C-alpha atoms as a PDB file:
ATOM      1  CA  MET A   1     -15.199  -6.701  -4.459  1.00  0.00           C
ATOM      2  CA  ASN A   2     -12.379  -4.766  -5.943  1.00  0.00           C
ATOM      3  CA  ARG A   3      -9.105  -6.230  -7.221  1.00  0.00           C
ATOM      4  CA  LYS A   4      -7.255  -5.587  -3.981  1.00  0.00           C
ATOM      5  CA  ASN A   5      -9.818  -7.553  -1.970  1.00  0.00           C
ATOM      6  CA  HIS A   6      -9.738 -10.396  -4.500  1.00  0.00           C
ATOM      7  CA  PHE A   7      -5.958 -10.487  -4.292  1.00  0.00           C
ATOM      8  CA  LEU A   8      -5.973 -10.508  -0.482  1.00  0.00           C
ATOM      9  CA  SER A   9      -8.561 -13.285  -0.431  1.00  0.00           C
ATOM     10  CA  LEU A  10      -6.500 -15.369  -2.823  1.00  0.00           C
ATOM     11  CA  LEU A  11      -3.350 -14.713  -0.833  1.00  0.00           C
ATOM     12  CA  PHE A  12      -5.141 -15.811   2.331  1.00  0.00           C
ATOM     13  CA  MET A  13      -6.288 -19.035   0.703  1.00  0.00           C
ATOM     14  CA  LEU A  14      -2.838 -19.830  -0.685  1.00  0.00           C
ATOM     15  CA  ILE A  15      -0.930 -19.175   2.534  1.00  0.00           C
ATOM     16  CA  VAL A  16      -3.080 -19.503   5.630  1.00  0.00           C
ATOM     17  CA  ILE A  17      -5.311 -22.445   4.729  1.00  0.00           C
ATOM     18  CA  PRO A  18      -2.436 -24.864   3.860  1.00  0.00           C
ATOM     19  CA  VAL A  19      -0.673 -23.942   7.115  1.00  0.00           C
ATOM     20  CA  VAL A  20      -3.777 -24.679   9.161  1.00  0.00           C
ATOM     21  CA  GLN A  21      -4.330 -27.964   7.333  1.00  0.00           C
ATOM     22  CA  ALA A  22      -0.715 -29.022   7.879  1.00  0.00           C
ATOM     23  CA  GLN A  23      -0.947 -28.253  11.592  1.00  0.00           C
ATOM     24  CA  SER A  24      -4.061 -30.376  11.928  1.00  0.00           C
ATOM     25  CA  LYS A  25      -2.098 -33.433  10.711  1.00  0.00           C
ATOM     26  CA  ILE A  26       0.548 -33.233  13.460  1.00  0.00           C
ATOM     27  CA  ASP A  27       0.703 -36.357  15.584  1.00  0.00           C
ATOM     28  CA  PRO A  28       0.508 -35.519  19.320  1.00  0.00           C
ATOM     29  CA  LYS A  29       2.915 -38.400  20.086  1.00  0.00           C
ATOM     30  CA  THR A  30       5.536 -36.823  17.831  1.00  0.00           C
ATOM     31  CA  ILE A  31       5.111 -33.486  19.566  1.00  0.00           C
ATOM     32  CA  GLN A  32       5.528 -35.108  22.981  1.00  0.00           C
ATOM     33  CA  GLU A  33       8.727 -36.881  21.837  1.00  0.00           C
ATOM     34  CA  LYS A  34      10.169 -33.631  20.513  1.00  0.00           C
ATOM     35  CA  MET A  35       9.298 -31.755  23.690  1.00  0.00           C
ATOM     36  CA  GLU A  36      10.968 -34.444  25.809  1.00  0.00           C
ATOM     37  CA  TRP A  37      14.085 -34.260  23.661  1.00  0.00           C
ATOM     38  CA  PHE A  38      14.105 -30.468  23.932  1.00  0.00           C
ATOM     39  CA  ALA A  39      13.789 -30.584  27.728  1.00  0.00           C
ATOM     40  CA  ASP A  40      16.768 -32.969  27.919  1.00  0.00           C
ATOM     41  CA  ALA A  41      18.907 -31.027  25.440  1.00  0.00           C
ATOM     42  CA  LYS A  42      19.495 -28.211  27.956  1.00  0.00           C
ATOM     43  CA  LEU A  43      21.362 -25.746  25.732  1.00  0.00           C
ATOM     44  CA  GLY A  44      20.951 -24.737  22.141  1.00  0.00           C
ATOM     45  CA  ILE A  45      23.091 -22.436  20.068  1.00  0.00           C
ATOM     46  CA  PHE A  46      22.137 -20.820  16.798  1.00  0.00           C
ATOM     47  CA  ILE A  47      24.988 -19.394  14.758  1.00  0.00           C
ATOM     48  CA  ASN A  48      24.258 -17.330  11.704  1.00  0.00           C
ATOM     49  CA  ALA A  49      27.001 -15.783   9.609  1.00  0.00           C
ATOM     50  CA  GLY A  50      27.331 -14.319   6.176  1.00  0.00           C
ATOM     51  CA  ILE A  51      29.756 -12.282   4.147  1.00  0.00           C
ATOM     52  CA  TYR A  52      28.731  -9.220   6.161  1.00  0.00           C
ATOM     53  CA  ALA A  53      30.601 -10.638   9.180  1.00  0.00           C
ATOM     54  CA  VAL A  54      34.055 -10.841   7.542  1.00  0.00           C
ATOM     55  CA  ASP A  55      34.991  -7.251   8.383  1.00  0.00           C
ATOM     56  CA  GLY A  56      33.056  -7.211  11.647  1.00  0.00           C
ATOM     57  CA  ILE A  57      29.776  -5.786  10.363  1.00  0.00           C
ATOM     58  CA  ASP A  58      27.159  -6.584  12.979  1.00  0.00           C
ATOM     59  CA  GLU A  59      24.119  -7.255  10.856  1.00  0.00           C
ATOM     60  CA  SER A  60      23.147  -9.057   7.678  1.00  0.00           C
ATOM     61  CA  TRP A  61      21.089  -6.079   6.482  1.00  0.00           C
ATOM     62  CA  SER A  62      24.146  -3.784   6.557  1.00  0.00           C
ATOM     63  CA  PHE A  63      24.155  -3.255   2.789  1.00  0.00           C
ATOM     64  CA  HIS A  64      20.408  -2.680   2.665  1.00  0.00           C
ATOM     65  CA  ASN A  65      20.599  -0.267   5.617  1.00  0.00           C
ATOM     66  CA  LYS A  66      23.460   1.603   3.916  1.00  0.00           C
ATOM     67  CA  LYS A  67      26.022   0.860   6.662  1.00  0.00           C
ATOM     68  CA  ILE A  68      28.427  -0.341   3.962  1.00  0.00           C
ATOM     69  CA  SER A  69      28.756   0.352   0.250  1.00  0.00           C
ATOM     70  CA  HIS A  70      27.977  -2.326  -2.302  1.00  0.00           C
ATOM     71  CA  ALA A  71      31.631  -2.453  -3.396  1.00  0.00           C
ATOM     72  CA  ASP A  72      32.897  -2.895   0.182  1.00  0.00           C
ATOM     73  CA  TYR A  73      30.196  -5.471   0.887  1.00  0.00           C
ATOM     74  CA  MET A  74      31.205  -7.547  -2.146  1.00  0.00           C
ATOM     75  CA  LYS A  75      34.918  -7.337  -1.246  1.00  0.00           C
ATOM     76  CA  GLN A  76      34.151  -9.342   1.872  1.00  0.00           C
ATOM     77  CA  LEU A  77      33.058 -12.295  -0.262  1.00  0.00           C
ATOM     78  CA  LYS A  78      36.705 -13.289  -0.814  1.00  0.00           C
ATOM     79  CA  GLY A  79      37.213 -13.702   2.947  1.00  0.00           C
ATOM     80  CA  PHE A  80      34.084 -15.683   3.647  1.00  0.00           C
END
């Protein structure tokens, strides 16, 4: 095996195996209770905001996607 394959194998073992093991320890009763709560909750809202939203920029990756300069992006920090 070359180094890339060794690295990918190690990465797999460090990420995927612990996730699978953690999922196997989930109590079915707990899942049922959560699903019942979710069904009764009816409506959920997720609000996510950051300094990008101060001047009405529509996405958090605006600086990375070059929609706004670094200087203008950092100016928004004062209004957040």
